[in-house]
Amino acid sequence: MSEENLRYSREELAEFEAIIQEKLTAARKEVSFIKETLSRRNDSGTDTTASPSKVLEDGADTAEKESLNQLASRQMKFIQQLENALIRIKNGTYGVCIGTGKLIPKERLRAVPHTQHSIEAKMARRD
């Protein structure tokens, strides 16, 4: 097998790096927005009246805060995966399936740039 079949070229890696950087920027903005939303919600809880509607509002606020925290957690995990993909680009292992050792198709990497598995390997893991 030639080296070209084992790794992507520098130009191809540069394309993937640009995709990853774009997704990282968007994900970081979203996390920042979620954190701002959560801090604003925490600041608005100064009313100490204990009416029945206030108790319902508190329950809804708690559920929404939990939902936002889960979303932020997922985004942080996504950011970590994207950062790991950048490391793989730098060390020359990006785009190589850890299950099969073959190159992951470009279309898959464009859609899921942080993946480490080809569709073939991912389907084999589910069986």
Protein backbone atom coordinates (compact mmCIF):
# COMPACT_ATOMS: atom_id res chain seq x y z
CA MET A 1 0.00 0.00 0.00
CA SER A 2 1.33 3.44 -0.81
CA GLU A 3 1.64 6.26 1.72
CA GLU A 4 -1.16 8.17 -0.08
CA ASN A 5 -3.65 5.43 0.81
CA LEU A 6 -2.67 5.50 4.48
CA ARG A 7 -2.90 9.24 5.17
CA TYR A 8 -4.50 12.36 3.82
CA SER A 9 -2.33 14.98 2.12
CA ARG A 10 -1.42 18.27 3.79
CA GLU A 11 -3.93 20.08 1.59
CA GLU A 12 -6.71 17.68 2.56
CA LEU A 13 -5.77 17.97 6.23
CA ALA A 14 -5.85 21.77 5.91
CA GLU A 15 -9.43 21.51 4.61
CA PHE A 16 -10.44 19.34 7.58
CA GLU A 17 -8.66 21.65 10.00
CA ALA A 18 -10.64 24.62 8.65
CA ILE A 19 -13.91 22.69 9.08
CA ILE A 20 -12.96 21.77 12.63
CA GLN A 21 -11.93 25.34 13.51
CA GLU A 22 -15.27 26.62 12.19
CA LYS A 23 -17.20 24.07 14.27
CA LEU A 24 -15.06 24.87 17.33
CA THR A 25 -15.82 28.58 17.03
CA ALA A 26 -19.56 27.91 16.75
CA ALA A 27 -19.54 25.44 19.66
CA ARG A 28 -17.62 27.83 21.91
CA LYS A 29 -20.07 30.64 21.10
CA GLU A 30 -22.96 28.35 21.98
CA VAL A 31 -21.40 27.36 25.31
CA SER A 32 -20.77 31.02 26.09
CA PHE A 33 -24.40 31.86 25.28
CA ILE A 34 -25.66 29.00 27.48
CA LYS A 35 -23.47 30.14 30.38
CA GLU A 36 -24.72 33.72 30.01
CA THR A 37 -28.31 32.47 29.96
CA LEU A 38 -27.73 30.42 33.10
CA SER A 39 -26.10 33.30 34.96
CA ARG A 40 -28.96 35.66 34.01
CA ARG A 41 -31.46 33.09 35.30
CA ASN A 42 -29.56 32.85 38.59
CA ASP A 43 -29.56 36.63 38.96
CA SER A 44 -33.34 36.89 38.51
CA GLY A 45 -34.10 34.67 41.53
CA THR A 46 -34.27 37.47 44.10
CA ASP A 47 -38.05 37.53 44.58
CA THR A 48 -38.88 35.87 47.92
CA THR A 49 -42.69 35.74 47.58
CA ALA A 50 -43.98 32.19 48.00
CA SER A 51 -47.16 32.05 45.96
CA PRO A 52 -48.31 28.77 44.34
CA SER A 53 -47.52 30.16 40.88
CA LYS A 54 -44.02 31.07 42.09
CA VAL A 55 -43.46 27.42 43.13
CA LEU A 56 -44.50 26.28 39.65
CA GLU A 57 -42.21 28.86 38.07
CA ASP A 58 -39.34 27.65 40.25
CA GLY A 59 -39.94 24.08 39.08
CA ALA A 60 -39.97 25.15 35.45
CA ASP A 61 -36.83 27.24 36.01
CA THR A 62 -35.07 24.29 37.61
CA ALA A 63 -36.01 22.00 34.72
CA GLU A 64 -34.84 24.59 32.20
CA LYS A 65 -31.56 25.11 34.07
CA GLU A 66 -30.97 21.35 34.10
CA SER A 67 -31.67 21.19 30.39
CA LEU A 68 -29.27 24.06 29.71
CA ASN A 69 -26.60 22.41 31.89
CA GLN A 70 -26.95 19.17 29.94
CA LEU A 71 -26.71 21.05 26.65
CA ALA A 72 -23.59 22.87 27.87
CA SER A 73 -22.07 19.56 28.98
CA ARG A 74 -22.69 17.99 25.56
CA GLN A 75 -21.19 21.02 23.85
CA MET A 76 -18.10 20.86 26.08
CA LYS A 77 -17.66 17.19 25.18
CA PHE A 78 -18.03 18.08 21.48
CA ILE A 79 -15.41 20.82 21.86
CA GLN A 80 -13.02 18.33 23.48
CA GLN A 81 -13.58 15.88 20.61
CA LEU A 82 -12.88 18.61 18.05
CA GLU A 83 -9.72 19.67 19.91
CA ASN A 84 -8.59 16.03 19.95
CA ALA A 85 -9.19 15.89 16.19
CA LEU A 86 -6.88 18.91 15.76
CA ILE A 87 -4.21 17.04 17.74
CA ARG A 88 -4.63 14.05 15.41
CA ILE A 89 -4.16 16.36 12.42
CA LYS A 90 -0.92 17.66 13.94
CA ASN A 91 0.45 14.18 14.74
CA GLY A 92 -0.59 12.69 11.39
CA THR A 93 -3.21 10.19 12.56
CA TYR A 94 -6.31 12.16 11.53
CA GLY A 95 -8.71 10.38 9.21
CA VAL A 96 -7.43 6.88 9.94
CA CYS A 97 -10.10 4.57 11.39
CA ILE A 98 -9.01 3.16 14.74
CA GLY A 99 -11.10 0.06 14.07
CA THR A 100 -10.01 -0.88 10.56
CA GLY A 101 -6.80 1.11 10.03
CA LYS A 102 -8.20 2.37 6.71
CA LEU A 103 -8.84 5.96 5.71
CA ILE A 104 -12.22 7.28 6.72
CA PRO A 105 -14.02 8.61 3.61
CA LYS A 106 -13.79 12.38 3.15
CA GLU A 107 -17.58 12.72 3.04
CA ARG A 108 -17.84 11.23 6.54
CA LEU A 109 -15.07 13.46 7.88
CA ARG A 110 -16.74 16.53 6.40
CA ALA A 111 -20.01 15.58 8.12
CA VAL A 112 -18.47 14.36 11.40
CA PRO A 113 -14.96 15.83 11.49
CA HIS A 114 -14.18 14.51 14.99
CA THR A 115 -14.94 10.86 14.18
CA GLN A 116 -12.32 8.17 14.62
CA HIS A 117 -14.40 5.39 13.04
CA SER A 118 -15.43 4.60 9.50
CA ILE A 119 -19.07 3.63 8.97
CA GLU A 120 -17.87 0.04 8.53
CA ALA A 121 -16.17 0.04 11.96
CA LYS A 122 -19.07 1.87 13.63
CA MET A 123 -21.59 -0.67 12.33
CA ALA A 124 -19.35 -3.56 13.47
CA ARG A 125 -19.25 -2.07 17.00
CA ARG A 126 -23.05 -2.12 17.22
CA ASP A 127 -23.36 -5.81 16.41
